[in-house]
Amino acid sequence: MAVSRTYLVPVDFSKSSEIALNQAIEMARENRGKLLLVHVISATFAYPLEGGFSDIFEALEKNARESMKKLFQRKRLKPARDRSILITGLDPAQAIVRQAKKSRASMIIMGSHGRTGLQKFLLGSVAERTLRYAHCPVLIVKK
């Protein structure tokens, strides 16, 4: 059975996700792997309880597409080998894990913002929840 060498990298365009992407690029090159960059847009904006947020969602999506394009250029990723996808979800961790399973990723490589205390309690940790839900190995790269 062939082993997938697809590395799924959640990106939120922060410094910590870029550090994780650098690690993923290195691993993909060493193992002749492919990268799948995933950006999760909060479904809170996609499916508001009342109308009026569709413009915000469209702006978030447009901004994410432009940022992803710039990231591909800056990191010299090859569209023939590497891909990116925008997905929506209420819980980014579950959306990331679902996409990893769907794309048969061999590993999720992600950054951690390193929040502690009240920030972690209020915001939670996407990296921690991804690690908990994932069915494949997860590499969390710290700053």
Protein backbone atom coordinates (compact mmCIF):
# COMPACT_ATOMS: atom_id res chain seq x y z
CA MET A 1 0.00 0.00 0.00
CA ALA A 2 1.43 3.39 -1.03
CA VAL A 3 2.04 5.86 1.75
CA SER A 4 0.66 9.34 1.21
CA ARG A 5 3.21 12.10 1.52
CA THR A 6 0.74 14.93 1.75
CA TYR A 7 1.43 17.42 4.50
CA LEU A 8 -1.59 19.48 5.48
CA VAL A 9 -0.63 22.90 6.81
CA PRO A 10 -3.31 25.09 8.40
CA VAL A 11 -2.47 28.73 7.71
CA ASP A 12 -3.94 31.81 9.30
CA PHE A 13 -1.24 34.08 7.83
CA SER A 14 0.33 34.62 11.26
CA LYS A 15 4.02 34.35 12.11
CA SER A 16 3.45 31.00 13.88
CA SER A 17 1.71 29.44 10.88
CA GLU A 18 4.51 30.66 8.60
CA ILE A 19 7.09 29.02 10.86
CA ALA A 20 5.13 25.76 10.63
CA LEU A 21 4.90 26.15 6.84
CA ASN A 22 8.69 26.52 6.65
CA GLN A 23 9.03 23.21 8.53
CA ALA A 24 6.47 21.56 6.23
CA ILE A 25 8.29 22.80 3.11
CA GLU A 26 11.51 21.29 4.41
CA MET A 27 9.84 17.96 5.20
CA ALA A 28 8.06 17.84 1.83
CA ARG A 29 11.30 18.46 -0.03
CA GLU A 30 13.17 15.81 1.96
CA ASN A 31 10.42 13.22 1.42
CA ARG A 32 9.27 14.23 -2.07
CA GLY A 33 5.93 15.16 -0.58
CA LYS A 34 3.16 17.56 -1.43
CA LEU A 35 1.73 20.42 0.58
CA LEU A 36 -1.91 21.21 1.14
CA LEU A 37 -2.34 24.64 2.71
CA VAL A 38 -5.70 25.08 4.43
CA HIS A 39 -7.27 28.32 5.61
CA VAL A 40 -10.45 28.11 7.68
CA ILE A 41 -12.94 30.96 7.46
CA SER A 42 -15.27 31.12 10.42
CA ALA A 43 -18.75 29.92 9.48
CA THR A 44 -20.09 32.46 11.94
CA PHE A 45 -19.67 34.99 9.15
CA ALA A 46 -20.77 32.58 6.43
CA TYR A 47 -24.08 31.69 8.02
CA PRO A 48 -25.21 34.57 10.22
CA LEU A 49 -28.41 34.30 12.20
CA GLU A 50 -29.68 37.41 10.47
CA GLY A 51 -28.76 38.85 7.06
CA GLY A 52 -26.07 41.43 6.45
CA PHE A 53 -22.86 39.50 6.96
CA SER A 54 -22.46 38.11 3.43
CA ASP A 55 -20.40 41.17 2.44
CA ILE A 56 -18.05 40.54 5.37
CA PHE A 57 -17.71 36.87 4.40
CA GLU A 58 -16.98 37.79 0.77
CA ALA A 59 -14.32 40.26 1.93
CA LEU A 60 -12.75 37.62 4.23
CA GLU A 61 -12.72 35.10 1.40
CA LYS A 62 -11.21 37.57 -1.08
CA ASN A 63 -8.56 38.62 1.43
CA ALA A 64 -7.71 34.98 2.19
CA ARG A 65 -7.35 34.13 -1.52
CA GLU A 66 -5.05 37.11 -2.08
CA SER A 67 -2.99 36.29 1.02
CA MET A 68 -2.69 32.64 -0.06
CA LYS A 69 -1.55 33.67 -3.54
CA LYS A 70 1.13 35.96 -2.04
CA LEU A 71 2.22 33.19 0.36
CA PHE A 72 2.61 30.73 -2.54
CA GLN A 73 4.75 33.28 -4.41
CA ARG A 74 6.85 34.25 -1.39
CA LYS A 75 7.58 30.60 -0.49
CA ARG A 76 8.06 29.63 -4.17
CA LEU A 77 5.52 26.83 -3.95
CA LYS A 78 4.63 25.06 -7.17
CA PRO A 79 0.90 24.90 -8.01
CA ALA A 80 1.54 21.71 -10.02
CA ARG A 81 2.62 19.96 -6.79
CA ASP A 82 1.23 22.01 -3.92
CA ARG A 83 -2.37 23.09 -3.36
CA SER A 84 -4.37 25.42 -1.20
CA ILE A 85 -7.97 25.33 -0.11
CA LEU A 86 -10.30 27.65 1.76
CA ILE A 87 -12.91 25.99 3.94
CA THR A 88 -15.57 27.21 6.34
CA GLY A 89 -16.36 25.78 9.73
CA LEU A 90 -17.63 26.63 13.16
CA ASP A 91 -14.68 24.89 14.80
CA PRO A 92 -11.41 25.36 12.87
CA ALA A 93 -9.86 22.27 14.51
CA GLN A 94 -12.66 19.98 13.34
CA ALA A 95 -12.58 21.55 9.86
CA ILE A 96 -8.82 20.94 9.66
CA VAL A 97 -9.16 17.32 10.78
CA ARG A 98 -12.03 16.68 8.35
CA GLN A 99 -9.95 18.05 5.49
CA ALA A 100 -6.92 15.98 6.53
CA LYS A 101 -9.01 12.82 6.45
CA LYS A 102 -10.67 13.76 3.14
CA SER A 103 -7.33 14.48 1.47
CA ARG A 104 -5.61 11.48 3.11
CA ALA A 105 -2.91 13.65 4.61
CA SER A 106 -0.01 11.76 6.12
CA MET A 107 0.56 14.51 8.68
CA ILE A 108 -0.80 17.84 9.87
CA ILE A 109 1.94 20.41 10.49
CA MET A 110 0.76 23.50 12.30
CA GLY A 111 1.91 26.40 14.39
CA SER A 112 0.89 27.31 17.88
CA HIS A 113 0.27 30.84 19.08
CA GLY A 114 1.36 29.82 22.57
CA ARG A 115 -1.55 31.38 24.42
CA THR A 116 -1.77 30.70 28.11
CA GLY A 117 -3.99 31.53 31.03
CA LEU A 118 -7.14 33.54 30.37
CA GLN A 119 -6.50 33.87 26.62
CA LYS A 120 -6.31 30.08 26.26
CA PHE A 121 -9.40 29.62 28.42
CA LEU A 122 -11.44 32.13 26.43
CA LEU A 123 -10.11 31.38 22.94
CA GLY A 124 -9.16 27.73 23.30
CA SER A 125 -6.32 26.22 21.37
CA VAL A 126 -6.91 25.17 17.78
CA ALA A 127 -3.64 23.23 17.84
CA GLU A 128 -4.62 21.38 21.01
CA ARG A 129 -8.07 20.45 19.68
CA THR A 130 -6.61 19.42 16.30
CA LEU A 131 -4.20 17.13 18.12
CA ARG A 132 -7.10 15.64 20.08
CA TYR A 133 -9.37 15.04 17.03
CA ALA A 134 -6.80 14.00 14.40
CA HIS A 135 -6.52 10.50 12.97
CA CYS A 136 -3.04 11.15 11.60
CA PRO A 137 0.16 12.44 13.22
CA VAL A 138 0.19 16.14 14.15
CA LEU A 139 3.40 18.14 14.38
CA ILE A 140 2.96 21.36 16.34
CA VAL A 141 5.75 23.82 15.63
CA LYS A 142 6.33 26.45 18.29
CA LYS A 143 7.87 29.85 17.71
